[in-house]
Structures are given as C-alpha cells and as structure tokens.
Amino acid sequence: MATAAHQPPRRKQRAITIRSDHALKRLELLARDGRSQVDIIEEALDRMPLPPASDGATFRAEVEAILAGVPKRSYPTMAEIDAELWDEDGLPR
C-alpha cells in the first residue's frame, strides 16, 4: 500500500471519473472506516489478476486462424479497373 509520502502531490495526480452510481455508493460505503478512496481503489486493483501478456507472434497466429475461415475473394487489378473506366484514348467511358 502506498503511503502519502510516496504519492505525487495532488495537483500532479490525474482525476478518476466514476460514472457508475452503484460503484460510487459502494466506494462511499467502503471509505466510511477512514480509508481514502484512492487506497480502496488501489487495493481493489492490486487484487485483480492481470491478463496474460501475448507477444506479436501469438497475436498474428490468432488473426491468421480467424482469417483462414474467411472465404477468399478475387479483386480486380488496376489494369482491369482502368479498362472499365477509360477508353483506349484515355477518355472516360
């Protein structure tokens, strides 16, 4: 738990906005014993497990596995698009 001596001055701390009425009421109830809201939030965050870190190769393999199930499509080349849009004299069709 961080003590007041280790925390940056209040003007340098970023504010946290709590948008949930339920969470705000719960935080107020937990802070009734004299603990600061910051200490309560930090303690709760420290208890939560971190998600496993994945490297780029694992992420790419997951994306490739998803894309393997997507049907392949053929797209026209620029030459085919140009032939469709422009005539042999370079004028629009």
PDB file of N, CA and C in Angstrom:
ATOM      1  N   MET A   1       0.854  -1.164   0.000  1.00  0.00           N
ATOM      2  CA  MET A   1       0.000   0.000   0.000  1.00  0.00           C
ATOM      3  C   MET A   1       0.904   1.232   0.000  1.00  0.00           C
ATOM      4  N   ALA A   2       0.599   2.184  -0.829  1.00  0.00           N
ATOM      5  CA  ALA A   2       1.394   3.403  -0.913  1.00  0.00           C
ATOM      6  C   ALA A   2       1.014   4.346   0.219  1.00  0.00           C
ATOM      7  N   THR A   3       2.018   4.968   0.770  1.00  0.00           N
ATOM      8  CA  THR A   3       1.753   5.949   1.815  1.00  0.00           C
ATOM      9  C   THR A   3       1.727   7.333   1.201  1.00  0.00           C
ATOM     10  N   ALA A   4       1.318   8.298   2.002  1.00  0.00           N
ATOM     11  CA  ALA A   4       1.212   9.666   1.497  1.00  0.00           C
ATOM     12  C   ALA A   4       2.573  10.196   1.063  1.00  0.00           C
ATOM     13  N   ALA A   5       3.657   9.707   1.687  1.00  0.00           N
ATOM     14  CA  ALA A   5       4.988  10.186   1.336  1.00  0.00           C
ATOM     15  C   ALA A   5       5.396   9.736  -0.064  1.00  0.00           C
ATOM     16  N   HIS A   6       4.837   8.628  -0.539  1.00  0.00           N
ATOM     17  CA  HIS A   6       5.214   8.090  -1.845  1.00  0.00           C
ATOM     18  C   HIS A   6       4.292   8.536  -2.968  1.00  0.00           C
ATOM     19  N   GLN A   7       3.206   9.189  -2.646  1.00  0.00           N
ATOM     20  CA  GLN A   7       2.266   9.625  -3.675  1.00  0.00           C
ATOM     21  C   GLN A   7       2.666  10.995  -4.192  1.00  0.00           C
ATOM     22  N   PRO A   8       2.448  11.247  -5.483  1.00  0.00           N
ATOM     23  CA  PRO A   8       2.757  12.581  -6.013  1.00  0.00           C
ATOM     24  C   PRO A   8       1.791  13.610  -5.439  1.00  0.00           C
ATOM     25  N   PRO A   9       2.166  14.877  -5.480  1.00  0.00           N
ATOM     26  CA  PRO A   9       1.242  15.914  -4.995  1.00  0.00           C
ATOM     27  C   PRO A   9      -0.079  15.848  -5.745  1.00  0.00           C
ATOM     28  N   ARG A  10      -1.154  16.260  -5.102  1.00  0.00           N
ATOM     29  CA  ARG A  10      -2.488  16.150  -5.695  1.00  0.00           C
ATOM     30  C   ARG A  10      -2.593  16.844  -7.041  1.00  0.00           C
ATOM     31  N   ARG A  11      -1.907  17.965  -7.220  1.00  0.00           N
ATOM     32  CA  ARG A  11      -2.036  18.687  -8.481  1.00  0.00           C
ATOM     33  C   ARG A  11      -1.420  17.912  -9.642  1.00  0.00           C
ATOM     34  N   LYS A  12      -0.551  16.945  -9.333  1.00  0.00           N
ATOM     35  CA  LYS A  12       0.067  16.145 -10.387  1.00  0.00           C
ATOM     36  C   LYS A  12      -0.671  14.827 -10.622  1.00  0.00           C
ATOM     37  N   GLN A  13      -1.608  14.487  -9.764  1.00  0.00           N
ATOM     38  CA  GLN A  13      -2.365  13.253  -9.930  1.00  0.00           C
ATOM     39  C   GLN A  13      -3.479  13.467 -10.939  1.00  0.00           C
ATOM     40  N   ARG A  14      -3.747  12.439 -11.718  1.00  0.00           N
ATOM     41  CA  ARG A  14      -4.867  12.513 -12.655  1.00  0.00           C
ATOM     42  C   ARG A  14      -6.146  12.112 -11.938  1.00  0.00           C
ATOM     43  N   ALA A  15      -7.222  12.800 -12.253  1.00  0.00           N
ATOM     44  CA  ALA A  15      -8.516  12.507 -11.633  1.00  0.00           C
ATOM     45  C   ALA A  15      -9.126  11.268 -12.271  1.00  0.00           C
ATOM     46  N   ILE A  16      -9.853  10.507 -11.470  1.00  0.00           N
ATOM     47  CA  ILE A  16     -10.582   9.342 -11.961  1.00  0.00           C
ATOM     48  C   ILE A  16     -12.064   9.671 -11.883  1.00  0.00           C
ATOM     49  N   THR A  17     -12.770   9.488 -12.976  1.00  0.00           N
ATOM     50  CA  THR A  17     -14.205   9.734 -13.005  1.00  0.00           C
ATOM     51  C   THR A  17     -14.928   8.409 -12.829  1.00  0.00           C
ATOM     52  N   ILE A  18     -15.811   8.350 -11.857  1.00  0.00           N
ATOM     53  CA  ILE A  18     -16.610   7.146 -11.626  1.00  0.00           C
ATOM     54  C   ILE A  18     -18.004   7.440 -12.152  1.00  0.00           C
ATOM     55  N   ARG A  19     -18.386   6.741 -13.219  1.00  0.00           N
ATOM     56  CA  ARG A  19     -19.666   7.017 -13.867  1.00  0.00           C
ATOM     57  C   ARG A  19     -20.796   6.137 -13.352  1.00  0.00           C
ATOM     58  N   SER A  20     -20.461   5.097 -12.641  1.00  0.00           N
ATOM     59  CA  SER A  20     -21.472   4.166 -12.153  1.00  0.00           C
ATOM     60  C   SER A  20     -21.954   4.605 -10.773  1.00  0.00           C
ATOM     61  N   ASP A  21     -23.259   4.810 -10.638  1.00  0.00           N
ATOM     62  CA  ASP A  21     -23.821   5.173  -9.333  1.00  0.00           C
ATOM     63  C   ASP A  21     -23.603   4.057  -8.321  1.00  0.00           C
ATOM     64  N   HIS A  22     -23.722   2.815  -8.786  1.00  0.00           N
ATOM     65  CA  HIS A  22     -23.525   1.665  -7.906  1.00  0.00           C
ATOM     66  C   HIS A  22     -22.097   1.648  -7.364  1.00  0.00           C
ATOM     67  N   ALA A  23     -21.122   1.858  -8.245  1.00  0.00           N
ATOM     68  CA  ALA A  23     -19.725   1.845  -7.812  1.00  0.00           C
ATOM     69  C   ALA A  23     -19.433   3.008  -6.874  1.00  0.00           C
ATOM     70  N   LEU A  24     -20.008   4.154  -7.145  1.00  0.00           N
ATOM     71  CA  LEU A  24     -19.784   5.326  -6.294  1.00  0.00           C
ATOM     72  C   LEU A  24     -20.354   5.097  -4.894  1.00  0.00           C
ATOM     73  N   LYS A  25     -21.561   4.537  -4.805  1.00  0.00           N
ATOM     74  CA  LYS A  25     -22.158   4.252  -3.496  1.00  0.00           C
ATOM     75  C   LYS A  25     -21.331   3.215  -2.745  1.00  0.00           C
ATOM     76  N   ARG A  26     -20.871   2.204  -3.466  1.00  0.00           N
ATOM     77  CA  ARG A  26     -20.058   1.155  -2.846  1.00  0.00           C
ATOM     78  C   ARG A  26     -18.742   1.734  -2.326  1.00  0.00           C
ATOM     79  N   LEU A  27     -18.132   2.621  -3.106  1.00  0.00           N
ATOM     80  CA  LEU A  27     -16.883   3.253  -2.688  1.00  0.00           C
ATOM     81  C   LEU A  27     -17.100   4.118  -1.451  1.00  0.00           C
ATOM     82  N   GLU A  28     -18.209   4.842  -1.407  1.00  0.00           N
ATOM     83  CA  GLU A  28     -18.511   5.660  -0.226  1.00  0.00           C
ATOM     84  C   GLU A  28     -18.694   4.788   1.013  1.00  0.00           C
ATOM     85  N   LEU A  29     -19.356   3.637   0.855  1.00  0.00           N
ATOM     86  CA  LEU A  29     -19.541   2.733   1.994  1.00  0.00           C
ATOM     87  C   LEU A  29     -18.206   2.168   2.464  1.00  0.00           C
ATOM     88  N   LEU A  30     -17.339   1.822   1.531  1.00  0.00           N
ATOM     89  CA  LEU A  30     -16.042   1.263   1.904  1.00  0.00           C
ATOM     90  C   LEU A  30     -15.131   2.309   2.537  1.00  0.00           C
ATOM     91  N   ALA A  31     -15.343   3.577   2.227  1.00  0.00           N
ATOM     92  CA  ALA A  31     -14.493   4.644   2.763  1.00  0.00           C
ATOM     93  C   ALA A  31     -14.967   5.140   4.126  1.00  0.00           C
ATOM     94  N   ARG A  32     -16.058   4.597   4.651  1.00  0.00           N
ATOM     95  CA  ARG A  32     -16.577   5.068   5.944  1.00  0.00           C
ATOM     96  C   ARG A  32     -15.645   4.753   7.100  1.00  0.00           C
ATOM     97  N   ASP A  33     -14.775   3.748   6.944  1.00  0.00           N
ATOM     98  CA  ASP A  33     -13.875   3.392   8.043  1.00  0.00           C
ATOM     99  C   ASP A  33     -12.649   4.296   8.121  1.00  0.00           C
ATOM    100  N   GLY A  34     -12.584   5.316   7.278  1.00  0.00           N
ATOM    101  CA  GLY A  34     -11.484   6.274   7.349  1.00  0.00           C
ATOM    102  C   GLY A  34     -10.439   6.121   6.263  1.00  0.00           C
ATOM    103  N   ARG A  35     -10.507   5.022   5.528  1.00  0.00           N
ATOM    104  CA  ARG A  35      -9.542   4.865   4.437  1.00  0.00           C
ATOM    105  C   ARG A  35      -9.889   5.824   3.312  1.00  0.00           C
ATOM    106  N   SER A  36      -8.876   6.236   2.579  1.00  0.00           N
ATOM    107  CA  SER A  36      -9.142   7.133   1.458  1.00  0.00           C
ATOM    108  C   SER A  36      -9.675   6.327   0.277  1.00  0.00           C
ATOM    109  N   GLN A  37     -10.396   7.004  -0.576  1.00  0.00           N
ATOM    110  CA  GLN A  37     -10.936   6.337  -1.760  1.00  0.00           C
ATOM    111  C   GLN A  37      -9.813   5.833  -2.654  1.00  0.00           C
ATOM    112  N   VAL A  38      -8.704   6.561  -2.698  1.00  0.00           N
ATOM    113  CA  VAL A  38      -7.556   6.138  -3.505  1.00  0.00           C
ATOM    114  C   VAL A  38      -7.015   4.814  -2.994  1.00  0.00           C
ATOM    115  N   ASP A  39      -6.862   4.688  -1.673  1.00  0.00           N
ATOM    116  CA  ASP A  39      -6.352   3.440  -1.103  1.00  0.00           C
ATOM    117  C   ASP A  39      -7.285   2.273  -1.405  1.00  0.00           C
ATOM    118  N   ILE A  40      -8.581   2.512  -1.338  1.00  0.00           N
ATOM    119  CA  ILE A  40      -9.557   1.456  -1.608  1.00  0.00           C
ATOM    120  C   ILE A  40      -9.465   1.012  -3.065  1.00  0.00           C
ATOM    121  N   ILE A  41      -9.387   1.968  -3.978  1.00  0.00           N
ATOM    122  CA  ILE A  41      -9.309   1.637  -5.407  1.00  0.00           C
ATOM    123  C   ILE A  41      -8.003   0.921  -5.712  1.00  0.00           C
ATOM    124  N   GLU A  42      -6.880   1.413  -5.151  1.00  0.00           N
ATOM    125  CA  GLU A  42      -5.590   0.769  -5.398  1.00  0.00           C
ATOM    126  C   GLU A  42      -5.575  -0.658  -4.866  1.00  0.00           C
ATOM    127  N   GLU A  43      -6.145  -0.865  -3.685  1.00  0.00           N
ATOM    128  CA  GLU A  43      -6.188  -2.210  -3.108  1.00  0.00           C
ATOM    129  C   GLU A  43      -7.020  -3.148  -3.984  1.00  0.00           C
ATOM    130  N   ALA A  44      -8.151  -2.648  -4.474  1.00  0.00           N
ATOM    131  CA  ALA A  44      -9.002  -3.476  -5.336  1.00  0.00           C
ATOM    132  C   ALA A  44      -8.294  -3.811  -6.642  1.00  0.00           C
ATOM    133  N   LEU A  45      -7.593  -2.838  -7.212  1.00  0.00           N
ATOM    134  CA  LEU A  45      -6.878  -3.092  -8.462  1.00  0.00           C
ATOM    135  C   LEU A  45      -5.714  -4.051  -8.256  1.00  0.00           C
ATOM    136  N   ASP A  46      -5.042  -3.957  -7.105  1.00  0.00           N
ATOM    137  CA  ASP A  46      -3.935  -4.871  -6.826  1.00  0.00           C
ATOM    138  C   ASP A  46      -4.416  -6.309  -6.682  1.00  0.00           C
ATOM    139  N   ARG A  47      -5.649  -6.499  -6.238  1.00  0.00           N
ATOM    140  CA  ARG A  47      -6.191  -7.853  -6.072  1.00  0.00           C
ATOM    141  C   ARG A  47      -6.586  -8.501  -7.395  1.00  0.00           C
ATOM    142  N   MET A  48      -6.839  -7.684  -8.400  1.00  0.00           N
ATOM    143  CA  MET A  48      -7.297  -8.230  -9.683  1.00  0.00           C
ATOM    144  C   MET A  48      -6.128  -8.845 -10.441  1.00  0.00           C
ATOM    145  N   PRO A  49      -6.330 -10.033 -11.024  1.00  0.00           N
ATOM    146  CA  PRO A  49      -5.250 -10.633 -11.811  1.00  0.00           C
ATOM    147  C   PRO A  49      -5.080  -9.892 -13.137  1.00  0.00           C
ATOM    148  N   LEU A  50      -3.846  -9.795 -13.569  1.00  0.00           N
ATOM    149  CA  LEU A  50      -3.565  -9.157 -14.848  1.00  0.00           C
ATOM    150  C   LEU A  50      -3.818 -10.150 -15.977  1.00  0.00           C
ATOM    151  N   PRO A  51      -4.278  -9.680 -17.119  1.00  0.00           N
ATOM    152  CA  PRO A  51      -4.463 -10.595 -18.243  1.00  0.00           C
ATOM    153  C   PRO A  51      -3.104 -11.083 -18.733  1.00  0.00           C
ATOM    154  N   PRO A  52      -3.065 -12.283 -19.271  1.00  0.00           N
ATOM    155  CA  PRO A  52      -1.778 -12.794 -19.747  1.00  0.00           C
ATOM    156  C   PRO A  52      -1.259 -11.941 -20.905  1.00  0.00           C
ATOM    157  N   ALA A  53       0.023 -11.676 -20.868  1.00  0.00           N
ATOM    158  CA  ALA A  53       0.637 -10.889 -21.941  1.00  0.00           C
ATOM    159  C   ALA A  53       0.870 -11.791 -23.145  1.00  0.00           C
ATOM    160  N   SER A  54       0.554 -11.282 -24.319  1.00  0.00           N
ATOM    161  CA  SER A  54       0.791 -12.068 -25.524  1.00  0.00           C
ATOM    162  C   SER A  54       1.798 -11.337 -26.388  1.00  0.00           C
ATOM    163  N   ASP A  55       2.625 -12.102 -27.036  1.00  0.00           N
ATOM    164  CA  ASP A  55       3.602 -11.490 -27.928  1.00  0.00           C
ATOM    165  C   ASP A  55       2.989 -11.312 -29.313  1.00  0.00           C
ATOM    166  N   GLY A  56       3.682 -10.635 -30.179  1.00  0.00           N
ATOM    167  CA  GLY A  56       3.165 -10.345 -31.513  1.00  0.00           C
ATOM    168  C   GLY A  56       2.931 -11.591 -32.338  1.00  0.00           C
ATOM    169  N   ALA A  57       3.785 -12.601 -32.179  1.00  0.00           N
ATOM    170  CA  ALA A  57       3.648 -13.824 -32.973  1.00  0.00           C
ATOM    171  C   ALA A  57       2.369 -14.572 -32.599  1.00  0.00           C
ATOM    172  N   THR A  58       2.060 -14.615 -31.317  1.00  0.00           N
ATOM    173  CA  THR A  58       0.840 -15.289 -30.874  1.00  0.00           C
ATOM    174  C   THR A  58      -0.388 -14.560 -31.399  1.00  0.00           C
ATOM    175  N   PHE A  59      -0.373 -13.237 -31.310  1.00  0.00           N
ATOM    176  CA  PHE A  59      -1.496 -12.444 -31.803  1.00  0.00           C
ATOM    177  C   PHE A  59      -1.678 -12.649 -33.301  1.00  0.00           C
ATOM    178  N   ARG A  60      -0.579 -12.632 -34.048  1.00  0.00           N
ATOM    179  CA  ARG A  60      -0.661 -12.818 -35.500  1.00  0.00           C
ATOM    180  C   ARG A  60      -1.203 -14.209 -35.836  1.00  0.00           C
ATOM    181  N   ALA A  61      -0.788 -15.223 -35.084  1.00  0.00           N
ATOM    182  CA  ALA A  61      -1.282 -16.577 -35.326  1.00  0.00           C
ATOM    183  C   ALA A  61      -2.788 -16.652 -35.073  1.00  0.00           C
ATOM    184  N   GLU A  62      -3.269 -15.958 -34.046  1.00  0.00           N
ATOM    185  CA  GLU A  62      -4.706 -15.945 -33.770  1.00  0.00           C
ATOM    186  C   GLU A  62      -5.471 -15.263 -34.901  1.00  0.00           C
ATOM    187  N   VAL A  63      -4.935 -14.154 -35.399  1.00  0.00           N
ATOM    188  CA  VAL A  63      -5.589 -13.445 -36.502  1.00  0.00           C
ATOM    189  C   VAL A  63      -5.575 -14.299 -37.764  1.00  0.00           C
ATOM    190  N   GLU A  64      -4.448 -14.944 -38.047  1.00  0.00           N
ATOM    191  CA  GLU A  64      -4.355 -15.813 -39.231  1.00  0.00           C
ATOM    192  C   GLU A  64      -5.352 -16.967 -39.134  1.00  0.00           C
ATOM    193  N   ALA A  65      -5.557 -17.500 -37.928  1.00  0.00           N
ATOM    194  CA  ALA A  65      -6.515 -18.591 -37.751  1.00  0.00           C
ATOM    195  C   ALA A  65      -7.931 -18.111 -38.042  1.00  0.00           C
ATOM    196  N   ILE A  66      -8.244 -16.884 -37.636  1.00  0.00           N
ATOM    197  CA  ILE A  66      -9.569 -16.327 -37.928  1.00  0.00           C
ATOM    198  C   ILE A  66      -9.726 -16.106 -39.423  1.00  0.00           C
ATOM    199  N   LEU A  67      -8.695 -15.551 -40.049  1.00  0.00           N
ATOM    200  CA  LEU A  67      -8.765 -15.258 -41.479  1.00  0.00           C
ATOM    201  C   LEU A  67      -8.811 -16.523 -42.330  1.00  0.00           C
ATOM    202  N   ALA A  68      -8.314 -17.639 -41.803  1.00  0.00           N
ATOM    203  CA  ALA A  68      -8.333 -18.884 -42.567  1.00  0.00           C
ATOM    204  C   ALA A  68      -9.761 -19.328 -42.856  1.00  0.00           C
ATOM    205  N   GLY A  69     -10.693 -18.968 -41.986  1.00  0.00           N
ATOM    206  CA  GLY A  69     -12.085 -19.350 -42.186  1.00  0.00           C
ATOM    207  C   GLY A  69     -12.864 -18.400 -43.066  1.00  0.00           C
ATOM    208  N   VAL A  70     -12.265 -17.282 -43.447  1.00  0.00           N
ATOM    209  CA  VAL A  70     -12.950 -16.292 -44.277  1.00  0.00           C
ATOM    210  C   VAL A  70     -12.775 -16.672 -45.739  1.00  0.00           C
ATOM    211  N   PRO A  71     -13.869 -16.719 -46.510  1.00  0.00           N
ATOM    212  CA  PRO A  71     -13.719 -17.084 -47.921  1.00  0.00           C
ATOM    213  C   PRO A  71     -12.899 -16.038 -48.665  1.00  0.00           C
ATOM    214  N   LYS A  72     -12.045 -16.525 -49.557  1.00  0.00           N
ATOM    215  CA  LYS A  72     -11.189 -15.637 -50.333  1.00  0.00           C
ATOM    216  C   LYS A  72     -11.986 -15.041 -51.481  1.00  0.00           C
ATOM    217  N   ARG A  73     -11.713 -13.789 -51.777  1.00  0.00           N
ATOM    218  CA  ARG A  73     -12.376 -13.120 -52.888  1.00  0.00           C
ATOM    219  C   ARG A  73     -11.321 -12.657 -53.871  1.00  0.00           C
ATOM    220  N   SER A  74     -11.719 -12.555 -55.116  1.00  0.00           N
ATOM    221  CA  SER A  74     -10.792 -12.022 -56.110  1.00  0.00           C
ATOM    222  C   SER A  74     -11.181 -10.578 -56.388  1.00  0.00           C
ATOM    223  N   TYR A  75     -10.202  -9.721 -56.403  1.00  0.00           N
ATOM    224  CA  TYR A  75     -10.426  -8.309 -56.637  1.00  0.00           C
ATOM    225  C   TYR A  75      -9.814  -7.933 -57.982  1.00  0.00           C
ATOM    226  N   PRO A  76     -10.434  -6.988 -58.691  1.00  0.00           N
ATOM    227  CA  PRO A  76      -9.889  -6.595 -59.994  1.00  0.00           C
ATOM    228  C   PRO A  76      -8.553  -5.870 -59.829  1.00  0.00           C
ATOM    229  N   THR A  77      -7.702  -6.034 -60.823  1.00  0.00           N
ATOM    230  CA  THR A  77      -6.425  -5.336 -60.813  1.00  0.00           C
ATOM    231  C   THR A  77      -6.651  -3.897 -61.257  1.00  0.00           C
ATOM    232  N   MET A  78      -5.638  -3.064 -61.081  1.00  0.00           N
ATOM    233  CA  MET A  78      -5.749  -1.671 -61.518  1.00  0.00           C
ATOM    234  C   MET A  78      -5.921  -1.594 -63.027  1.00  0.00           C
ATOM    235  N   ALA A  79      -5.283  -2.504 -63.768  1.00  0.00           N
ATOM    236  CA  ALA A  79      -5.425  -2.505 -65.228  1.00  0.00           C
ATOM    237  C   ALA A  79      -6.870  -2.798 -65.619  1.00  0.00           C
ATOM    238  N   GLU A  80      -7.520  -3.733 -64.924  1.00  0.00           N
ATOM    239  CA  GLU A  80      -8.915  -4.052 -65.217  1.00  0.00           C
ATOM    240  C   GLU A  80      -9.835  -2.884 -64.854  1.00  0.00           C
ATOM    241  N   ILE A  81      -9.545  -2.216 -63.757  1.00  0.00           N
ATOM    242  CA  ILE A  81     -10.356  -1.058 -63.367  1.00  0.00           C
ATOM    243  C   ILE A  81     -10.190   0.062 -64.381  1.00  0.00           C
ATOM    244  N   ASP A  82      -8.943   0.309 -64.799  1.00  0.00           N
ATOM    245  CA  ASP A  82      -8.690   1.351 -65.800  1.00  0.00           C
ATOM    246  C   ASP A  82      -9.385   1.030 -67.115  1.00  0.00           C
ATOM    247  N   ALA A  83      -9.369  -0.242 -67.526  1.00  0.00           N
ATOM    248  CA  ALA A  83     -10.019  -0.629 -68.782  1.00  0.00           C
ATOM    249  C   ALA A  83     -11.525  -0.411 -68.701  1.00  0.00           C
ATOM    250  N   GLU A  84     -12.082  -0.566 -67.536  1.00  0.00           N
ATOM    251  CA  GLU A  84     -13.520  -0.376 -67.365  1.00  0.00           C
ATOM    252  C   GLU A  84     -13.899   1.106 -67.326  1.00  0.00           C
ATOM    253  N   LEU A  85     -13.036   1.938 -66.727  1.00  0.00           N
ATOM    254  CA  LEU A  85     -13.356   3.351 -66.563  1.00  0.00           C
ATOM    255  C   LEU A  85     -12.946   4.226 -67.746  1.00  0.00           C
ATOM    256  N   TRP A  86     -11.900   3.846 -68.460  1.00  0.00           N
ATOM    257  CA  TRP A  86     -11.338   4.692 -69.511  1.00  0.00           C
ATOM    258  C   TRP A  86     -11.304   3.936 -70.838  1.00  0.00           C
ATOM    259  N   ASP A  87     -11.498   4.652 -71.920  1.00  0.00           N
ATOM    260  CA  ASP A  87     -11.392   4.005 -73.234  1.00  0.00           C
ATOM    261  C   ASP A  87      -9.935   4.009 -73.690  1.00  0.00           C
ATOM    262  N   GLU A  88      -9.684   3.486 -74.905  1.00  0.00           N
ATOM    263  CA  GLU A  88      -8.309   3.344 -75.384  1.00  0.00           C
ATOM    264  C   GLU A  88      -7.629   4.684 -75.653  1.00  0.00           C
ATOM    265  N   ASP A  89      -8.398   5.767 -75.752  1.00  0.00           N
ATOM    266  CA  ASP A  89      -7.826   7.100 -75.955  1.00  0.00           C
ATOM    267  C   ASP A  89      -7.613   7.845 -74.633  1.00  0.00           C
ATOM    268  N   GLY A  90      -7.903   7.205 -73.512  1.00  0.00           N
ATOM    269  CA  GLY A  90      -7.715   7.833 -72.214  1.00  0.00           C
ATOM    270  C   GLY A  90      -8.870   8.711 -71.777  1.00  0.00           C
ATOM    271  N   LEU A  91      -9.996   8.585 -72.458  1.00  0.00           N
ATOM    272  CA  LEU A  91     -11.170   9.377 -72.115  1.00  0.00           C
ATOM    273  C   LEU A  91     -12.116   8.552 -71.249  1.00  0.00           C
ATOM    274  N   PRO A  92     -12.875   9.210 -70.385  1.00  0.00           N
ATOM    275  CA  PRO A  92     -13.820   8.452 -69.553  1.00  0.00           C
ATOM    276  C   PRO A  92     -14.899   7.800 -70.400  1.00  0.00           C
ATOM    277  N   ARG A  93     -15.323   6.633 -69.997  1.00  0.00           N
ATOM    278  CA  ARG A  93     -16.385   5.921 -70.729  1.00  0.00           C
ATOM    279  C   ARG A  93     -17.728   6.498 -70.382  1.00  0.00           C
TER     280      ARG A  93
END
